Protein backbone atom coordinates (compact mmCIF):
# COMPACT_ATOMS: atom_id res chain seq x y z
CA UNK A 1 0.00 0.00 0.00
CA UNK A 2 1.39 3.41 -0.94
CA UNK A 3 1.87 5.85 1.89
CA UNK A 4 3.34 9.18 2.91
CA UNK A 5 6.40 9.14 5.15
CA UNK A 6 8.90 11.68 6.43
CA UNK A 7 12.36 11.76 7.94
CA UNK A 8 15.26 14.08 8.64
CA UNK A 9 17.76 13.66 5.82
CA UNK A 10 20.79 15.11 4.08
CA UNK A 11 21.02 15.19 0.28
CA UNK A 12 24.33 13.45 -0.46
CA UNK A 13 24.03 13.12 -4.24
CA UNK A 14 21.90 14.49 -7.08
CA UNK A 15 21.80 13.65 -10.77
CA UNK A 16 19.49 14.23 -13.72
CA UNK A 17 16.62 11.82 -14.22
CA UNK A 18 15.02 12.40 -17.58
CA UNK A 19 14.74 15.93 -18.91
CA UNK A 20 13.19 17.73 -15.95
CA UNK A 21 13.63 15.53 -12.88
CA UNK A 22 16.36 14.75 -10.36
CA UNK A 23 17.31 11.44 -8.74
CA UNK A 24 18.45 12.21 -5.21
CA UNK A 25 20.44 10.05 -2.82
CA UNK A 26 19.35 10.80 0.74
CA UNK A 27 20.97 9.83 4.01
CA UNK A 28 17.88 9.54 6.18
CA UNK A 29 17.58 8.97 9.90
CA UNK A 30 14.66 6.56 9.56
CA UNK A 31 15.16 4.68 6.28
CA UNK A 32 18.92 4.63 5.79
CA UNK A 33 20.49 5.52 2.47
CA UNK A 34 17.73 5.75 -0.15
CA UNK A 35 17.07 7.20 -3.58
CA UNK A 36 14.09 9.44 -4.29
CA UNK A 37 12.86 11.09 -7.46
CA UNK A 38 12.17 14.82 -7.39
CA UNK A 39 9.77 15.54 -10.24
CA UNK A 40 9.57 18.87 -12.01
CA UNK A 41 11.98 21.37 -13.50
CA UNK A 42 14.64 22.81 -11.24
CA UNK A 43 13.29 26.22 -12.29
CA UNK A 44 9.76 25.40 -11.23
CA UNK A 45 8.58 27.20 -8.09
CA UNK A 46 6.48 24.15 -7.21
CA UNK A 47 9.31 21.63 -7.35
CA UNK A 48 10.87 20.92 -3.93
CA UNK A 49 14.33 22.46 -3.66
CA UNK A 50 16.82 19.88 -2.38
CA UNK A 51 20.35 20.62 -3.44
CA UNK A 52 23.36 18.54 -2.41
CA UNK A 53 24.35 19.29 1.23
CA UNK A 54 20.79 20.34 2.14
CA UNK A 55 19.81 19.13 5.61
CA UNK A 56 16.03 18.97 5.85
CA UNK A 57 12.93 17.14 6.90
CA UNK A 58 11.89 15.39 3.71
CA UNK A 59 8.33 14.38 2.92
CA UNK A 60 8.18 11.32 0.70
CA UNK A 61 5.63 9.23 -1.13
CA UNK A 62 6.62 5.57 -0.74
CA UNK A 63 5.46 2.68 -2.87
CA UNK A 64 6.48 -0.36 -0.75
CA UNK A 65 5.80 -2.85 -3.56
CA UNK A 66 8.37 -1.20 -5.83
CA UNK A 67 10.33 0.23 -2.86
CA UNK A 68 10.18 3.53 -4.71
CA UNK A 69 10.33 6.99 -3.12
CA UNK A 70 9.11 10.28 -4.54
CA UNK A 71 10.10 13.57 -2.94
CA UNK A 72 6.98 15.64 -2.31
CA UNK A 73 8.25 18.47 -0.12
CA UNK A 74 11.17 19.62 2.05
CA UNK A 75 11.44 21.71 5.20
CA UNK A 76 15.01 22.97 5.20
CA UNK A 77 16.93 22.76 8.47
CA UNK A 78 20.28 23.91 7.06
CA UNK A 79 20.95 24.73 3.43
CA UNK A 80 24.75 24.74 3.89
CA UNK A 81 25.01 27.33 1.15
CA UNK A 82 28.45 28.32 2.47
CA UNK A 83 29.85 25.15 0.89
CA UNK A 84 29.15 26.55 -2.58
CA UNK A 85 31.05 29.79 -1.95
CA UNK A 86 34.53 28.35 -2.50
CA UNK A 87 35.62 25.31 -4.49
CA UNK A 88 37.82 23.98 -1.69
CA UNK A 89 34.85 23.88 0.69
CA UNK A 90 32.67 22.35 -2.02
CA UNK A 91 35.06 19.46 -2.53
CA UNK A 92 35.51 18.89 1.19
CA UNK A 93 31.75 18.62 1.51
CA UNK A 94 31.55 16.30 -1.51
CA UNK A 95 34.32 14.17 0.00
CA UNK A 96 32.29 13.74 3.18
CA UNK A 97 29.11 12.80 1.32
CA UNK A 98 30.96 10.38 -0.98
CA UNK A 99 32.68 8.67 1.94
CA UNK A 100 29.35 8.21 3.73
CA UNK A 101 27.83 6.66 0.60
CA UNK A 102 30.79 4.30 0.14
CA UNK A 103 30.92 3.14 3.76
CA UNK A 104 27.26 3.25 4.86
CA UNK A 105 26.77 0.40 7.28
CA UNK A 106 23.34 0.91 8.79
CA UNK A 107 24.05 3.39 11.60
CA UNK A 108 21.98 5.98 9.78
CA UNK A 109 21.12 8.24 12.71
CA UNK A 110 24.75 8.49 13.86
CA UNK A 111 25.99 9.04 10.31
CA UNK A 112 23.36 11.73 9.76
CA UNK A 113 24.39 13.57 12.93
CA UNK A 114 28.09 13.34 12.07
CA UNK A 115 27.62 14.49 8.48
CA UNK A 116 25.35 17.33 9.50
CA UNK A 117 27.88 18.61 12.03
CA UNK A 118 30.78 18.18 9.63
CA UNK A 119 29.11 20.14 6.82
CA UNK A 120 28.14 22.92 9.21
CA UNK A 121 31.62 23.14 10.80
CA UNK A 122 33.34 23.55 7.44
CA UNK A 123 32.31 27.20 7.66
CA UNK A 124 34.43 27.77 10.79
CA UNK A 125 37.79 28.51 9.18
CA UNK A 126 39.67 25.26 9.90
CA UNK A 127 38.28 23.01 7.13
CA UNK A 128 41.21 20.59 7.09
CA UNK A 129 40.80 19.83 10.80
CA UNK A 130 37.07 19.35 10.20
CA UNK A 131 37.89 16.87 7.43
CA UNK A 132 40.45 14.99 9.56
CA UNK A 133 38.02 14.64 12.45
CA UNK A 134 35.21 13.58 10.13
CA UNK A 135 37.21 10.58 8.92
CA UNK A 136 38.27 9.58 12.45
CA UNK A 137 34.74 9.87 13.84
CA UNK A 138 33.21 7.97 10.93
CA UNK A 139 35.69 5.16 11.62
CA UNK A 140 34.34 5.03 15.18
CA UNK A 141 30.75 4.76 13.93
CA UNK A 142 31.84 1.95 11.58
CA UNK A 143 33.28 0.08 14.56
CA UNK A 144 36.91 0.08 13.38
CA UNK A 145 38.24 2.80 15.69
CA UNK A 146 40.84 1.54 18.21
CA UNK A 147 42.21 3.07 21.40
CA UNK A 148 45.68 3.60 19.86
CA UNK A 149 47.12 2.02 23.01
CA UNK A 150 47.65 -1.59 21.91
CA UNK A 151 47.62 -3.63 18.73
CA UNK A 152 44.17 -5.18 18.12
CA UNK A 153 45.81 -8.21 16.47
CA UNK A 154 48.61 -9.28 18.83
CA UNK A 155 47.51 -7.13 21.81
CA UNK A 156 51.01 -5.77 22.42
CA UNK A 157 51.06 -2.27 23.91
CA UNK A 158 52.52 0.43 21.69
CA UNK A 159 55.72 2.26 22.57
CA UNK A 160 55.47 6.05 22.74
CA UNK A 161 57.82 6.44 19.77
CA UNK A 162 56.24 3.67 17.68
CA UNK A 163 54.94 4.16 14.14
CA UNK A 164 51.76 2.19 13.46
CA UNK A 165 50.68 0.38 10.32
CA UNK A 166 47.19 -0.76 9.25
CA UNK A 167 45.48 -4.13 8.83
CA UNK A 168 43.32 -4.21 5.70
CA UNK A 169 41.03 -6.93 7.05
CA UNK A 170 40.29 -4.97 10.23
CA UNK A 171 40.35 -1.52 8.56
CA UNK A 172 42.15 -0.27 11.67
CA UNK A 173 45.63 0.64 12.88
CA UNK A 174 47.89 -2.02 14.37
CA UNK A 175 51.59 -2.60 14.99
CA UNK A 176 53.96 -2.74 12.02
CA UNK A 177 54.48 -6.48 12.41
CA UNK A 178 50.74 -7.21 12.10
CA UNK A 179 49.92 -4.63 9.43
CA UNK A 180 49.80 -5.21 5.69
CA UNK A 181 48.60 -1.86 4.26
CA UNK A 182 50.97 0.77 2.90
CA UNK A 183 49.61 3.30 5.36
CA UNK A 184 51.56 4.47 8.40
CA UNK A 185 50.73 6.60 11.45
CA UNK A 186 53.79 8.23 13.06
CA UNK A 187 53.98 8.90 16.82
CA UNK A 188 53.11 12.61 16.68
CA UNK A 189 50.01 12.01 14.57
CA UNK A 190 48.98 9.15 16.88
CA UNK A 191 49.18 11.47 19.91
CA UNK A 192 46.92 13.98 18.13
CA UNK A 193 44.42 11.29 17.11
CA UNK A 194 44.35 9.82 20.62
CA UNK A 195 43.92 13.23 22.27
CA UNK A 196 41.13 14.45 19.99
CA UNK A 197 39.22 11.16 20.05
CA UNK A 198 38.22 11.93 23.65
CA UNK A 199 36.80 15.34 22.71
CA UNK A 200 33.57 16.48 21.14
CA UNK A 201 33.80 17.30 17.42
CA UNK A 202 33.71 21.06 18.03
CA UNK A 203 36.26 20.87 20.88
CA UNK A 204 38.68 18.83 18.79
CA UNK A 205 38.98 21.68 16.28
CA UNK A 206 40.55 23.88 18.98
CA UNK A 207 43.53 21.56 19.43
CA UNK A 208 46.39 23.48 17.79
CA UNK A 209 48.16 22.03 14.77
CA UNK A 210 50.98 23.59 12.81
CA UNK A 211 50.53 23.95 9.08
CA UNK A 212 53.03 21.16 8.38
CA UNK A 213 51.40 18.84 10.92
CA UNK A 214 47.98 19.57 9.44
CA UNK A 215 49.21 18.60 5.98
CA UNK A 216 50.74 15.35 7.25
CA UNK A 217 47.74 14.30 9.33
CA UNK A 218 45.31 15.24 6.56
CA UNK A 219 47.29 13.01 4.21
CA UNK A 220 46.93 10.17 6.70
CA UNK A 221 43.18 10.82 7.07
CA UNK A 222 42.60 10.81 3.31
CA UNK A 223 44.57 7.59 2.91
CA UNK A 224 42.60 6.07 5.77
CA UNK A 225 39.39 7.15 4.01
CA UNK A 226 40.45 5.14 0.93
CA UNK A 227 41.00 2.13 3.15
CA UNK A 228 37.58 2.57 4.80
CA UNK A 229 35.91 2.91 1.39
CA UNK A 230 37.84 -0.15 0.15
CA UNK A 231 38.24 1.51 -3.21
CA UNK A 232 38.95 4.81 -4.96
CA UNK A 233 37.12 8.00 -4.09
CA UNK A 234 36.34 10.36 -6.97
CA UNK A 235 36.76 13.45 -4.83
CA UNK A 236 40.32 12.46 -3.98
CA UNK A 237 41.18 12.16 -7.66
CA UNK A 238 40.29 15.82 -8.20
CA UNK A 239 43.47 17.12 -6.55
CA UNK A 240 41.42 19.80 -4.79
CA UNK A 241 41.72 18.43 -1.28
C-alpha atoms as a PDB file:
ATOM      1  CA  UNK A   1       0.000   0.000   0.000  1.00  0.00           C
ATOM      2  CA  UNK A   2       1.387   3.415  -0.939  1.00  0.00           C
ATOM      3  CA  UNK A   3       1.869   5.849   1.892  1.00  0.00           C
ATOM      4  CA  UNK A   4       3.335   9.178   2.905  1.00  0.00           C
ATOM      5  CA  UNK A   5       6.400   9.141   5.147  1.00  0.00           C
ATOM      6  CA  UNK A   6       8.898  11.684   6.428  1.00  0.00           C
ATOM      7  CA  UNK A   7      12.362  11.759   7.937  1.00  0.00           C
ATOM      8  CA  UNK A   8      15.256  14.084   8.636  1.00  0.00           C
ATOM      9  CA  UNK A   9      17.763  13.663   5.823  1.00  0.00           C
ATOM     10  CA  UNK A  10      20.787  15.113   4.078  1.00  0.00           C
ATOM     11  CA  UNK A  11      21.021  15.194   0.282  1.00  0.00           C
ATOM     12  CA  UNK A  12      24.327  13.446  -0.459  1.00  0.00           C
ATOM     13  CA  UNK A  13      24.034  13.123  -4.242  1.00  0.00           C
ATOM     14  CA  UNK A  14      21.899  14.490  -7.077  1.00  0.00           C
ATOM     15  CA  UNK A  15      21.799  13.645 -10.775  1.00  0.00           C
ATOM     16  CA  UNK A  16      19.488  14.228 -13.724  1.00  0.00           C
ATOM     17  CA  UNK A  17      16.616  11.817 -14.218  1.00  0.00           C
ATOM     18  CA  UNK A  18      15.019  12.401 -17.584  1.00  0.00           C
ATOM     19  CA  UNK A  19      14.740  15.933 -18.906  1.00  0.00           C
ATOM     20  CA  UNK A  20      13.187  17.728 -15.947  1.00  0.00           C
ATOM     21  CA  UNK A  21      13.631  15.535 -12.879  1.00  0.00           C
ATOM     22  CA  UNK A  22      16.363  14.745 -10.357  1.00  0.00           C
ATOM     23  CA  UNK A  23      17.314  11.440  -8.738  1.00  0.00           C
ATOM     24  CA  UNK A  24      18.452  12.207  -5.209  1.00  0.00           C
ATOM     25  CA  UNK A  25      20.436  10.053  -2.822  1.00  0.00           C
ATOM     26  CA  UNK A  26      19.347  10.802   0.736  1.00  0.00           C
ATOM     27  CA  UNK A  27      20.975   9.829   4.009  1.00  0.00           C
ATOM     28  CA  UNK A  28      17.878   9.544   6.182  1.00  0.00           C
ATOM     29  CA  UNK A  29      17.578   8.969   9.901  1.00  0.00           C
ATOM     30  CA  UNK A  30      14.655   6.561   9.562  1.00  0.00           C
ATOM     31  CA  UNK A  31      15.163   4.679   6.279  1.00  0.00           C
ATOM     32  CA  UNK A  32      18.919   4.628   5.791  1.00  0.00           C
ATOM     33  CA  UNK A  33      20.486   5.516   2.467  1.00  0.00           C
ATOM     34  CA  UNK A  34      17.731   5.753  -0.146  1.00  0.00           C
ATOM     35  CA  UNK A  35      17.067   7.198  -3.584  1.00  0.00           C
ATOM     36  CA  UNK A  36      14.092   9.436  -4.286  1.00  0.00           C
ATOM     37  CA  UNK A  37      12.860  11.089  -7.456  1.00  0.00           C
ATOM     38  CA  UNK A  38      12.170  14.821  -7.392  1.00  0.00           C
ATOM     39  CA  UNK A  39       9.767  15.539 -10.242  1.00  0.00           C
ATOM     40  CA  UNK A  40       9.567  18.867 -12.006  1.00  0.00           C
ATOM     41  CA  UNK A  41      11.980  21.370 -13.497  1.00  0.00           C
ATOM     42  CA  UNK A  42      14.640  22.811 -11.242  1.00  0.00           C
ATOM     43  CA  UNK A  43      13.289  26.217 -12.294  1.00  0.00           C
ATOM     44  CA  UNK A  44       9.757  25.399 -11.227  1.00  0.00           C
ATOM     45  CA  UNK A  45       8.577  27.196  -8.088  1.00  0.00           C
ATOM     46  CA  UNK A  46       6.483  24.152  -7.206  1.00  0.00           C
ATOM     47  CA  UNK A  47       9.309  21.633  -7.355  1.00  0.00           C
ATOM     48  CA  UNK A  48      10.869  20.917  -3.926  1.00  0.00           C
ATOM     49  CA  UNK A  49      14.330  22.463  -3.659  1.00  0.00           C
ATOM     50  CA  UNK A  50      16.816  19.878  -2.380  1.00  0.00           C
ATOM     51  CA  UNK A  51      20.355  20.617  -3.441  1.00  0.00           C
ATOM     52  CA  UNK A  52      23.356  18.538  -2.411  1.00  0.00           C
ATOM     53  CA  UNK A  53      24.351  19.287   1.234  1.00  0.00           C
ATOM     54  CA  UNK A  54      20.791  20.338   2.140  1.00  0.00           C
ATOM     55  CA  UNK A  55      19.808  19.130   5.612  1.00  0.00           C
ATOM     56  CA  UNK A  56      16.028  18.967   5.855  1.00  0.00           C
ATOM     57  CA  UNK A  57      12.926  17.141   6.904  1.00  0.00           C
ATOM     58  CA  UNK A  58      11.890  15.392   3.709  1.00  0.00           C
ATOM     59  CA  UNK A  59       8.325  14.377   2.918  1.00  0.00           C
ATOM     60  CA  UNK A  60       8.184  11.318   0.699  1.00  0.00           C
ATOM     61  CA  UNK A  61       5.632   9.234  -1.125  1.00  0.00           C
ATOM     62  CA  UNK A  62       6.618   5.575  -0.738  1.00  0.00           C
ATOM     63  CA  UNK A  63       5.465   2.677  -2.867  1.00  0.00           C
ATOM     64  CA  UNK A  64       6.485  -0.361  -0.753  1.00  0.00           C
ATOM     65  CA  UNK A  65       5.803  -2.852  -3.563  1.00  0.00           C
ATOM     66  CA  UNK A  66       8.368  -1.203  -5.829  1.00  0.00           C
ATOM     67  CA  UNK A  67      10.326   0.225  -2.865  1.00  0.00           C
ATOM     68  CA  UNK A  68      10.180   3.535  -4.714  1.00  0.00           C
ATOM     69  CA  UNK A  69      10.332   6.986  -3.124  1.00  0.00           C
ATOM     70  CA  UNK A  70       9.114  10.283  -4.540  1.00  0.00           C
ATOM     71  CA  UNK A  71      10.103  13.569  -2.937  1.00  0.00           C
ATOM     72  CA  UNK A  72       6.984  15.636  -2.307  1.00  0.00           C
ATOM     73  CA  UNK A  73       8.255  18.474  -0.122  1.00  0.00           C
ATOM     74  CA  UNK A  74      11.170  19.620   2.049  1.00  0.00           C
ATOM     75  CA  UNK A  75      11.437  21.715   5.202  1.00  0.00           C
ATOM     76  CA  UNK A  76      15.014  22.971   5.198  1.00  0.00           C
ATOM     77  CA  UNK A  77      16.928  22.760   8.474  1.00  0.00           C
ATOM     78  CA  UNK A  78      20.275  23.913   7.062  1.00  0.00           C
ATOM     79  CA  UNK A  79      20.948  24.725   3.427  1.00  0.00           C
ATOM     80  CA  UNK A  80      24.746  24.739   3.890  1.00  0.00           C
ATOM     81  CA  UNK A  81      25.011  27.329   1.148  1.00  0.00           C
ATOM     82  CA  UNK A  82      28.453  28.318   2.466  1.00  0.00           C
ATOM     83  CA  UNK A  83      29.850  25.155   0.886  1.00  0.00           C
ATOM     84  CA  UNK A  84      29.145  26.552  -2.583  1.00  0.00           C
ATOM     85  CA  UNK A  85      31.045  29.789  -1.954  1.00  0.00           C
ATOM     86  CA  UNK A  86      34.526  28.351  -2.499  1.00  0.00           C
ATOM     87  CA  UNK A  87      35.622  25.310  -4.488  1.00  0.00           C
ATOM     88  CA  UNK A  88      37.823  23.975  -1.689  1.00  0.00           C
ATOM     89  CA  UNK A  89      34.853  23.881   0.693  1.00  0.00           C
ATOM     90  CA  UNK A  90      32.667  22.350  -2.016  1.00  0.00           C
ATOM     91  CA  UNK A  91      35.056  19.457  -2.533  1.00  0.00           C
ATOM     92  CA  UNK A  92      35.509  18.893   1.192  1.00  0.00           C
ATOM     93  CA  UNK A  93      31.749  18.623   1.511  1.00  0.00           C
ATOM     94  CA  UNK A  94      31.554  16.300  -1.507  1.00  0.00           C
ATOM     95  CA  UNK A  95      34.325  14.170  -0.003  1.00  0.00           C
ATOM     96  CA  UNK A  96      32.287  13.743   3.178  1.00  0.00           C
ATOM     97  CA  UNK A  97      29.110  12.798   1.318  1.00  0.00           C
ATOM     98  CA  UNK A  98      30.965  10.379  -0.978  1.00  0.00           C
ATOM     99  CA  UNK A  99      32.677   8.671   1.944  1.00  0.00           C
ATOM    100  CA  UNK A 100      29.354   8.208   3.730  1.00  0.00           C
ATOM    101  CA  UNK A 101      27.829   6.659   0.605  1.00  0.00           C
ATOM    102  CA  UNK A 102      30.790   4.301   0.138  1.00  0.00           C
ATOM    103  CA  UNK A 103      30.922   3.140   3.764  1.00  0.00           C
ATOM    104  CA  UNK A 104      27.263   3.253   4.858  1.00  0.00           C
ATOM    105  CA  UNK A 105      26.772   0.397   7.276  1.00  0.00           C
ATOM    106  CA  UNK A 106      23.345   0.905   8.787  1.00  0.00           C
ATOM    107  CA  UNK A 107      24.052   3.386  11.600  1.00  0.00           C
ATOM    108  CA  UNK A 108      21.984   5.982   9.784  1.00  0.00           C
ATOM    109  CA  UNK A 109      21.122   8.242  12.715  1.00  0.00           C
ATOM    110  CA  UNK A 110      24.755   8.489  13.857  1.00  0.00           C
ATOM    111  CA  UNK A 111      25.994   9.044  10.314  1.00  0.00           C
ATOM    112  CA  UNK A 112      23.355  11.730   9.764  1.00  0.00           C
ATOM    113  CA  UNK A 113      24.386  13.574  12.930  1.00  0.00           C
ATOM    114  CA  UNK A 114      28.088  13.345  12.074  1.00  0.00           C
ATOM    115  CA  UNK A 115      27.621  14.491   8.480  1.00  0.00           C
ATOM    116  CA  UNK A 116      25.346  17.333   9.499  1.00  0.00           C
ATOM    117  CA  UNK A 117      27.880  18.606  12.030  1.00  0.00           C
ATOM    118  CA  UNK A 118      30.781  18.185   9.628  1.00  0.00           C
ATOM    119  CA  UNK A 119      29.114  20.142   6.824  1.00  0.00           C
ATOM    120  CA  UNK A 120      28.144  22.920   9.213  1.00  0.00           C
ATOM    121  CA  UNK A 121      31.622  23.140  10.798  1.00  0.00           C
ATOM    122  CA  UNK A 122      33.341  23.554   7.441  1.00  0.00           C
ATOM    123  CA  UNK A 123      32.307  27.202   7.663  1.00  0.00           C
ATOM    124  CA  UNK A 124      34.426  27.771  10.789  1.00  0.00           C
ATOM    125  CA  UNK A 125      37.788  28.512   9.181  1.00  0.00           C
ATOM    126  CA  UNK A 126      39.671  25.257   9.904  1.00  0.00           C
ATOM    127  CA  UNK A 127      38.281  23.008   7.127  1.00  0.00           C
ATOM    128  CA  UNK A 128      41.213  20.586   7.089  1.00  0.00           C
ATOM    129  CA  UNK A 129      40.803  19.834  10.798  1.00  0.00           C
ATOM    130  CA  UNK A 130      37.074  19.352  10.201  1.00  0.00           C
ATOM    131  CA  UNK A 131      37.895  16.874   7.430  1.00  0.00           C
ATOM    132  CA  UNK A 132      40.447  14.986   9.555  1.00  0.00           C
ATOM    133  CA  UNK A 133      38.020  14.636  12.450  1.00  0.00           C
ATOM    134  CA  UNK A 134      35.206  13.575  10.135  1.00  0.00           C
ATOM    135  CA  UNK A 135      37.212  10.577   8.924  1.00  0.00           C
ATOM    136  CA  UNK A 136      38.267   9.576  12.454  1.00  0.00           C
ATOM    137  CA  UNK A 137      34.741   9.868  13.839  1.00  0.00           C
ATOM    138  CA  UNK A 138      33.208   7.970  10.933  1.00  0.00           C
ATOM    139  CA  UNK A 139      35.694   5.156  11.618  1.00  0.00           C
ATOM    140  CA  UNK A 140      34.344   5.030  15.184  1.00  0.00           C
ATOM    141  CA  UNK A 141      30.753   4.764  13.931  1.00  0.00           C
ATOM    142  CA  UNK A 142      31.842   1.955  11.584  1.00  0.00           C
ATOM    143  CA  UNK A 143      33.284   0.077  14.563  1.00  0.00           C
ATOM    144  CA  UNK A 144      36.915   0.082  13.385  1.00  0.00           C
ATOM    145  CA  UNK A 145      38.245   2.798  15.695  1.00  0.00           C
ATOM    146  CA  UNK A 146      40.836   1.542  18.206  1.00  0.00           C
ATOM    147  CA  UNK A 147      42.211   3.069  21.402  1.00  0.00           C
ATOM    148  CA  UNK A 148      45.679   3.597  19.861  1.00  0.00           C
ATOM    149  CA  UNK A 149      47.123   2.017  23.009  1.00  0.00           C
ATOM    150  CA  UNK A 150      47.645  -1.588  21.913  1.00  0.00           C
ATOM    151  CA  UNK A 151      47.622  -3.628  18.728  1.00  0.00           C
ATOM    152  CA  UNK A 152      44.166  -5.176  18.122  1.00  0.00           C
ATOM    153  CA  UNK A 153      45.815  -8.206  16.465  1.00  0.00           C
ATOM    154  CA  UNK A 154      48.608  -9.277  18.831  1.00  0.00           C
ATOM    155  CA  UNK A 155      47.509  -7.133  21.812  1.00  0.00           C
ATOM    156  CA  UNK A 156      51.005  -5.765  22.419  1.00  0.00           C
ATOM    157  CA  UNK A 157      51.063  -2.269  23.913  1.00  0.00           C
ATOM    158  CA  UNK A 158      52.522   0.426  21.693  1.00  0.00           C
ATOM    159  CA  UNK A 159      55.722   2.257  22.565  1.00  0.00           C
ATOM    160  CA  UNK A 160      55.466   6.053  22.738  1.00  0.00           C
ATOM    161  CA  UNK A 161      57.818   6.441  19.770  1.00  0.00           C
ATOM    162  CA  UNK A 162      56.243   3.675  17.676  1.00  0.00           C
ATOM    163  CA  UNK A 163      54.940   4.157  14.141  1.00  0.00           C
ATOM    164  CA  UNK A 164      51.763   2.190  13.455  1.00  0.00           C
ATOM    165  CA  UNK A 165      50.684   0.377  10.324  1.00  0.00           C
ATOM    166  CA  UNK A 166      47.191  -0.763   9.249  1.00  0.00           C
ATOM    167  CA  UNK A 167      45.484  -4.127   8.829  1.00  0.00           C
ATOM    168  CA  UNK A 168      43.321  -4.211   5.700  1.00  0.00           C
ATOM    169  CA  UNK A 169      41.033  -6.935   7.050  1.00  0.00           C
ATOM    170  CA  UNK A 170      40.290  -4.968  10.234  1.00  0.00           C
ATOM    171  CA  UNK A 171      40.348  -1.524   8.561  1.00  0.00           C
ATOM    172  CA  UNK A 172      42.146  -0.272  11.667  1.00  0.00           C
ATOM    173  CA  UNK A 173      45.631   0.639  12.877  1.00  0.00           C
ATOM    174  CA  UNK A 174      47.887  -2.018  14.368  1.00  0.00           C
ATOM    175  CA  UNK A 175      51.592  -2.600  14.985  1.00  0.00           C
ATOM    176  CA  UNK A 176      53.957  -2.737  12.017  1.00  0.00           C
ATOM    177  CA  UNK A 177      54.477  -6.480  12.414  1.00  0.00           C
ATOM    178  CA  UNK A 178      50.736  -7.210  12.101  1.00  0.00           C
ATOM    179  CA  UNK A 179      49.924  -4.632   9.435  1.00  0.00           C
ATOM    180  CA  UNK A 180      49.800  -5.212   5.688  1.00  0.00           C
ATOM    181  CA  UNK A 181      48.601  -1.864   4.264  1.00  0.00           C
ATOM    182  CA  UNK A 182      50.974   0.772   2.905  1.00  0.00           C
ATOM    183  CA  UNK A 183      49.615   3.301   5.364  1.00  0.00           C
ATOM    184  CA  UNK A 184      51.555   4.474   8.402  1.00  0.00           C
ATOM    185  CA  UNK A 185      50.730   6.596  11.453  1.00  0.00           C
ATOM    186  CA  UNK A 186      53.791   8.229  13.056  1.00  0.00           C
ATOM    187  CA  UNK A 187      53.983   8.905  16.824  1.00  0.00           C
ATOM    188  CA  UNK A 188      53.113  12.612  16.678  1.00  0.00           C
ATOM    189  CA  UNK A 189      50.009  12.009  14.569  1.00  0.00           C
ATOM    190  CA  UNK A 190      48.980   9.155  16.876  1.00  0.00           C
ATOM    191  CA  UNK A 191      49.182  11.471  19.906  1.00  0.00           C
ATOM    192  CA  UNK A 192      46.920  13.975  18.127  1.00  0.00           C
ATOM    193  CA  UNK A 193      44.420  11.290  17.109  1.00  0.00           C
ATOM    194  CA  UNK A 194      44.351   9.822  20.618  1.00  0.00           C
ATOM    195  CA  UNK A 195      43.920  13.232  22.268  1.00  0.00           C
ATOM    196  CA  UNK A 196      41.128  14.446  19.992  1.00  0.00           C
ATOM    197  CA  UNK A 197      39.222  11.156  20.049  1.00  0.00           C
ATOM    198  CA  UNK A 198      38.222  11.926  23.650  1.00  0.00           C
ATOM    199  CA  UNK A 199      36.803  15.340  22.712  1.00  0.00           C
ATOM    200  CA  UNK A 200      33.569  16.477  21.139  1.00  0.00           C
ATOM    201  CA  UNK A 201      33.798  17.305  17.423  1.00  0.00           C
ATOM    202  CA  UNK A 202      33.708  21.060  18.028  1.00  0.00           C
ATOM    203  CA  UNK A 203      36.260  20.874  20.877  1.00  0.00           C
ATOM    204  CA  UNK A 204      38.683  18.833  18.792  1.00  0.00           C
ATOM    205  CA  UNK A 205      38.977  21.682  16.277  1.00  0.00           C
ATOM    206  CA  UNK A 206      40.553  23.884  18.977  1.00  0.00           C
ATOM    207  CA  UNK A 207      43.529  21.555  19.428  1.00  0.00           C
ATOM    208  CA  UNK A 208      46.388  23.481  17.788  1.00  0.00           C
ATOM    209  CA  UNK A 209      48.157  22.034  14.770  1.00  0.00           C
ATOM    210  CA  UNK A 210      50.983  23.595  12.811  1.00  0.00           C
ATOM    211  CA  UNK A 211      50.534  23.950   9.084  1.00  0.00           C
ATOM    212  CA  UNK A 212      53.033  21.159   8.377  1.00  0.00           C
ATOM    213  CA  UNK A 213      51.402  18.840  10.924  1.00  0.00           C
ATOM    214  CA  UNK A 214      47.976  19.566   9.437  1.00  0.00           C
ATOM    215  CA  UNK A 215      49.212  18.604   5.976  1.00  0.00           C
ATOM    216  CA  UNK A 216      50.740  15.348   7.247  1.00  0.00           C
ATOM    217  CA  UNK A 217      47.742  14.300   9.330  1.00  0.00           C
ATOM    218  CA  UNK A 218      45.312  15.240   6.564  1.00  0.00           C
ATOM    219  CA  UNK A 219      47.290  13.012   4.207  1.00  0.00           C
ATOM    220  CA  UNK A 220      46.925  10.170   6.697  1.00  0.00           C
ATOM    221  CA  UNK A 221      43.181  10.819   7.072  1.00  0.00           C
ATOM    222  CA  UNK A 222      42.605  10.813   3.306  1.00  0.00           C
ATOM    223  CA  UNK A 223      44.566   7.587   2.912  1.00  0.00           C
ATOM    224  CA  UNK A 224      42.602   6.070   5.767  1.00  0.00           C
ATOM    225  CA  UNK A 225      39.392   7.150   4.012  1.00  0.00           C
ATOM    226  CA  UNK A 226      40.452   5.143   0.930  1.00  0.00           C
ATOM    227  CA  UNK A 227      40.995   2.130   3.154  1.00  0.00           C
ATOM    228  CA  UNK A 228      37.583   2.570   4.801  1.00  0.00           C
ATOM    229  CA  UNK A 229      35.915   2.910   1.391  1.00  0.00           C
ATOM    230  CA  UNK A 230      37.844  -0.149   0.148  1.00  0.00           C
ATOM    231  CA  UNK A 231      38.241   1.508  -3.208  1.00  0.00           C
ATOM    232  CA  UNK A 232      38.953   4.811  -4.962  1.00  0.00           C
ATOM    233  CA  UNK A 233      37.115   7.998  -4.091  1.00  0.00           C
ATOM    234  CA  UNK A 234      36.340  10.356  -6.975  1.00  0.00           C
ATOM    235  CA  UNK A 235      36.755  13.448  -4.826  1.00  0.00           C
ATOM    236  CA  UNK A 236      40.318  12.458  -3.980  1.00  0.00           C
ATOM    237  CA  UNK A 237      41.176  12.165  -7.660  1.00  0.00           C
ATOM    238  CA  UNK A 238      40.288  15.822  -8.195  1.00  0.00           C
ATOM    239  CA  UNK A 239      43.466  17.116  -6.549  1.00  0.00           C
ATOM    240  CA  UNK A 240      41.423  19.803  -4.790  1.00  0.00           C
ATOM    241  CA  UNK A 241      41.723  18.432  -1.276  1.00  0.00           C
END
